[in-house]
Every structure is written in C-alpha cells, then in structure tokens.
Protein backbone atom coordinates (compact mmCIF):
# COMPACT_ATOMS: atom_id res chain seq x y z
CA MET A 1 -13.89 -15.88 -74.94
CA ASP A 2 -10.62 -15.35 -77.42
CA LYS A 3 -7.42 -16.41 -75.77
CA GLN A 4 -6.50 -12.50 -74.64
CA ALA A 5 -9.67 -12.24 -73.04
CA ILE A 6 -8.74 -15.95 -71.10
CA GLU A 7 -5.18 -14.78 -70.02
CA ILE A 8 -6.11 -11.07 -68.68
CA PHE A 9 -9.24 -13.45 -66.54
CA GLU A 10 -5.78 -15.79 -65.48
CA LYS A 11 -3.49 -13.19 -64.63
CA LEU A 12 -6.62 -11.51 -62.49
CA ILE A 13 -7.28 -14.98 -60.61
CA GLU A 14 -3.36 -14.48 -60.36
CA ALA A 15 -3.66 -11.01 -58.97
CA VAL A 16 -6.42 -11.96 -56.23
CA LYS A 17 -3.94 -15.10 -54.83
CA ILE A 18 -0.99 -13.26 -54.19
CA SER A 19 -3.27 -10.37 -52.96
CA ASN A 20 -5.38 -12.42 -50.34
CA PHE A 21 -1.75 -14.01 -49.54
CA GLU A 22 -0.34 -10.93 -48.42
CA ILE A 23 -3.28 -9.55 -46.79
CA THR A 24 -3.35 -13.23 -44.92
CA THR A 25 0.33 -12.24 -44.08
CA GLN A 26 -0.28 -8.65 -42.90
CA ILE A 27 -2.78 -10.14 -41.06
CA ILE A 28 -0.98 -12.65 -39.40
CA THR A 29 1.69 -10.21 -38.67
CA ILE A 30 -0.40 -7.65 -36.98
CA VAL A 31 -1.66 -10.18 -34.55
CA ILE A 32 1.36 -11.50 -33.90
CA LEU A 33 3.01 -8.13 -32.73
CA LEU A 34 -0.22 -7.55 -30.49
CA LEU A 35 0.44 -10.57 -28.74
CA THR A 36 4.17 -9.97 -28.51
CA GLY A 37 3.15 -6.43 -27.14
CA SER A 38 0.73 -7.57 -24.68
CA VAL A 39 3.19 -9.96 -23.63
CA ILE A 40 6.17 -7.67 -23.26
CA PHE A 41 3.75 -5.38 -21.34
CA TRP A 42 2.42 -7.72 -18.99
CA TYR A 43 6.07 -8.53 -18.00
CA THR A 44 7.06 -5.34 -17.62
CA LEU A 45 4.07 -4.75 -14.82
CA GLU A 46 5.16 -8.43 -13.58
CA THR A 47 8.83 -7.28 -13.19
CA LYS A 48 8.26 -4.12 -11.37
CA ARG A 49 5.58 -5.77 -8.74
CA THR A 50 8.05 -8.49 -7.99
CA ARG A 51 10.80 -5.63 -7.99
CA LEU A 52 8.24 -3.46 -5.65
CA LEU A 53 7.55 -6.72 -3.18
CA SER A 54 10.69 -7.98 -2.99
CA ALA A 55 11.92 -4.47 -1.27
CA ARG A 56 8.75 -3.71 0.36
CA PRO A 57 9.21 -2.42 4.22
CA VAL A 58 6.26 -3.50 6.86
CA LEU A 59 6.56 -2.02 9.76
CA LYS A 60 4.08 -3.55 12.59
CA ILE A 61 4.45 -3.21 16.77
CA VAL A 62 5.18 -6.42 18.34
CA ASN A 63 5.19 -5.15 21.49
CA THR A 64 3.50 -2.77 24.51
CA ARG A 65 3.86 -1.51 27.41
CA SER A 66 2.09 -0.28 29.92
CA ASN A 67 4.18 2.59 30.54
CA GLY A 68 2.83 3.67 26.71
CA SER A 69 5.77 3.01 25.26
CA LEU A 70 5.45 1.29 21.66
CA ASN A 71 8.05 -1.11 20.15
CA ILE A 72 8.09 -1.10 16.23
CA LYS A 73 9.83 -3.58 14.39
CA ASN A 74 10.35 -3.59 10.71
CA ILE A 75 8.77 -7.21 9.48
CA GLY A 76 9.31 -7.02 5.58
CA LYS A 77 12.27 -7.83 3.06
CA GLY A 78 13.49 -3.99 2.73
CA PRO A 79 14.23 -0.94 4.82
CA ALA A 80 11.52 1.53 5.97
CA LEU A 81 12.73 4.87 5.47
CA ASN A 82 11.03 8.00 6.56
CA ILE A 83 9.31 7.36 9.41
CA GLU A 84 6.14 9.28 10.78
CA LEU A 85 4.17 7.62 13.61
CA ARG A 86 1.11 9.68 14.29
CA ILE A 87 -1.60 8.66 17.59
CA SER A 88 -5.58 9.17 16.45
CA GLN A 89 -9.11 8.73 18.66
CA VAL A 90 -11.48 6.68 16.36
CA HIS A 91 -13.83 9.37 15.33
CA ARG A 92 -17.40 7.63 14.84
CA ASN A 93 -18.07 7.58 11.67
CA GLY A 94 -14.99 5.11 11.52
CA GLY A 95 -12.05 8.43 10.44
CA ARG A 96 -9.40 9.45 12.59
CA THR A 97 -9.96 12.19 15.01
CA ASN A 98 -7.62 14.48 17.30
CA LEU A 99 -4.34 13.16 15.10
CA ARG A 100 -1.05 14.15 16.98
CA ASN A 101 2.57 13.41 16.42
CA LEU A 102 3.42 10.32 18.52
CA LEU A 103 6.82 11.40 19.31
CA GLU A 104 7.10 15.01 21.31
CA LEU A 105 9.88 16.13 20.27
CA GLU A 106 10.34 17.52 17.11
CA GLN A 107 13.85 15.54 16.54
CA GLN A 108 12.55 11.89 17.99
CA ARG A 109 9.35 12.51 14.90
CA HIS A 110 11.65 10.87 11.66
CA PHE A 111 13.76 7.84 12.07
CA VAL A 112 15.98 7.76 8.69
CA ASN A 113 15.82 4.10 8.31
CA LEU A 114 15.16 0.95 9.64
CA GLY A 115 16.76 -1.97 8.22
CA GLU A 116 14.63 -5.58 7.20
CA GLY A 117 14.68 -7.25 11.45
CA GLU A 118 15.31 -3.93 12.95
CA GLY A 119 13.34 -2.48 15.61
CA ILE A 120 13.10 0.88 17.76
CA ASN A 121 10.99 1.96 21.13
CA THR A 122 8.92 4.69 20.17
CA LYS A 123 9.49 6.41 24.36
CA GLY A 124 6.11 8.08 23.39
CA GLU A 125 4.74 7.27 26.87
CA GLY A 126 3.11 11.15 27.54
CA VAL A 127 1.19 11.41 24.62
CA VAL A 128 0.08 7.08 24.83
CA GLN A 129 -1.03 8.22 28.38
CA LYS A 130 -3.20 11.47 27.20
CA TYR A 131 -5.47 8.93 25.05
CA ILE A 132 -5.46 6.00 27.28
CA GLU A 133 -7.53 9.10 29.92
CA ALA A 134 -8.90 11.03 26.95
CA LYS A 135 -9.65 14.21 29.11
CA GLY A 136 -10.55 17.07 28.16
CA SER A 137 -12.59 18.71 25.13
CA ASP A 138 -9.82 17.91 22.22
CA PHE A 139 -11.06 14.25 23.24
CA ALA A 140 -14.51 15.28 22.57
CA HIS A 141 -15.18 13.44 19.29
CA GLY A 142 -13.57 10.33 18.91
CA VAL A 143 -14.59 7.01 20.28
CA ARG A 144 -13.89 6.70 23.78
CA GLY A 145 -11.97 3.48 24.88
CA VAL A 146 -10.07 3.50 21.77
CA PHE A 147 -6.82 4.94 20.09
CA ILE A 148 -4.76 3.77 16.48
CA ILE A 149 -0.97 4.13 15.78
CA VAL A 150 -0.20 5.47 12.23
CA ALA A 151 3.09 4.47 10.76
CA LEU A 152 3.88 5.65 7.37
CA TYR A 153 6.84 5.66 5.65
CA GLN A 154 8.90 4.34 2.16
CA ASP A 155 10.60 2.02 0.47
CA ILE A 156 13.71 2.35 -1.47
CA TYR A 157 11.46 3.22 -4.34
CA ASN A 158 9.59 5.86 -2.88
CA GLU A 159 7.09 3.67 -2.65
CA LYS A 160 4.67 5.36 0.44
CA TYR A 161 3.00 2.32 2.58
CA TYR A 162 0.92 2.33 6.11
CA THR A 163 0.64 0.14 9.18
CA LEU A 164 -2.46 0.88 11.32
CA THR A 165 -2.73 0.21 14.42
CA LEU A 166 -5.72 -0.24 17.16
CA PHE A 167 -5.32 -0.54 20.12
CA LYS A 168 -8.73 -0.38 23.28
CA ILE A 169 -8.18 0.39 26.54
CA VAL A 170 -8.88 -1.98 28.78
CA GLY A 171 -8.45 -0.69 32.52
CA PRO A 172 -4.79 1.20 32.96
CA ASP A 173 -3.17 -0.96 30.37
CA TYR A 174 -4.32 -1.13 25.94
CA ILE A 175 -4.24 -4.14 24.43
CA LEU A 176 -3.39 -4.98 20.26
CA LYS A 177 -6.70 -5.29 18.42
CA LYS A 178 -5.86 -5.18 14.80
CA THR A 179 -3.09 -3.87 12.04
CA PHE A 180 -3.87 -3.09 8.92
CA VAL A 181 -0.84 -2.66 6.31
CA GLY A 182 -1.14 -1.23 3.06
CA GLU A 183 -0.14 1.50 -0.30
CA TYR A 184 -0.51 4.57 1.09
CA GLY A 185 -1.77 7.32 -1.41
CA ARG A 186 -4.29 10.07 -0.86
CA ASN A 187 -7.20 8.87 1.54
CA SER A 188 -6.01 5.36 1.31
CA LEU A 189 -6.20 4.47 5.35
CA PRO A 190 -9.14 2.31 6.14
CA LYS A 191 -11.83 2.75 7.71
CA ILE A 192 -12.71 1.48 11.71
CA LYS A 193 -15.40 -0.84 12.46
CA ASN A 194 -16.90 -0.99 15.89
CA LEU A 195 -16.00 -4.94 14.97
CA ASP A 196 -12.63 -3.86 14.75
CA TRP A 197 -12.29 -3.13 18.57
CA ILE A 198 -15.46 -5.69 20.03
CA SER A 199 -14.33 -9.11 19.32
C-alpha cells in the first residue's frame, strides 16, 4: 500500500474511534438522564403520598349508646371536612340498600370540620331506632339484624375518604362488629360479607 492509502486508513480508524466514543458518551448520558428522571418521578410520588398521609383524617365511631345516638371521633392526623353521615341496611348481595341520611334535620347534616382528636355526638336516635326495628316495606330488601353507618369526608387537599361501620342488632341494642376505612372514589365502598357480622 502506498503512503497516502495508509494515511487515509489511519484517519478512518481514528474517526471510528471518535464516533464510538461519542456514541458511548451519548448512550451513557441518556441512561443517566433516564435514571435521574425516574428518581425524581418516584420522589415526587413519595412526597405527595407522605403529604397526604400526614394530613389524613380518619373518622371512627368510638361509643354507642342504647338510645341510638353515636359518638364519632376524628382519630386521624388532619381535619375531616364536609362530613356526611348515612345509615343503610346491608343488601343480601353485600351492598347497601335503604340508604338514608343519619341526621334527619337539614341543618345537622354537614359538620364543617372535625379537627384532629375532636368528636361529636350525632343525635341520630330516631333514624337508628327505625333500622333497629326494621318494620315496613322499606326494610324488605335488607338483611335483618344488621345495619351500617357510612361517613364520607375529605381532607384539606380535597381527597375523599370513607368510614363504614357495621352494627349487629342484639335485642333492643346494637353492637359494633367491624369498621372499614379507605379512600372514597366511584363504587369504592366495600361489600359486606356474612362473616363480618356472624363472628
């Protein structure tokens, strides 16, 4: 080979080395950017989850009285806003039937706020008594001897939650059997199983 051909060949080898180095550098840069983006995305999700958990209210029925009134307490980490209370029978398929407002008077139906550790007496005596007696055609589709109280509420970030409490009627009184708590979305209330009130 002549000298000129050797120089051209050497230049081609050098160009390939530079190209391989640039391609390798670009691939490493892309991988680093993808990893960094993934870490930032994960961190953002974790920060949001931590923020929500640090302000999440949880309502719980802490005391029942034989006269039908219920004490509800916020045992969560933030205020419970726009609380709505409902009472329902348990349908044979585990859903809810005969759903009504627990509080009969319109001005009682929405508590503006239950702060962390605060509680309130519902004074829903009349409605609870109707569900204990379960007389009339309105009560024909529900399972006799059980009813549920559903509390719907939201936190300061407008995230919605529910507390569903199952009661079993024993003689003239009723006892708390099980409580379900979770995030509330469309059709997100759990179905009730026979074992939930039999045990």
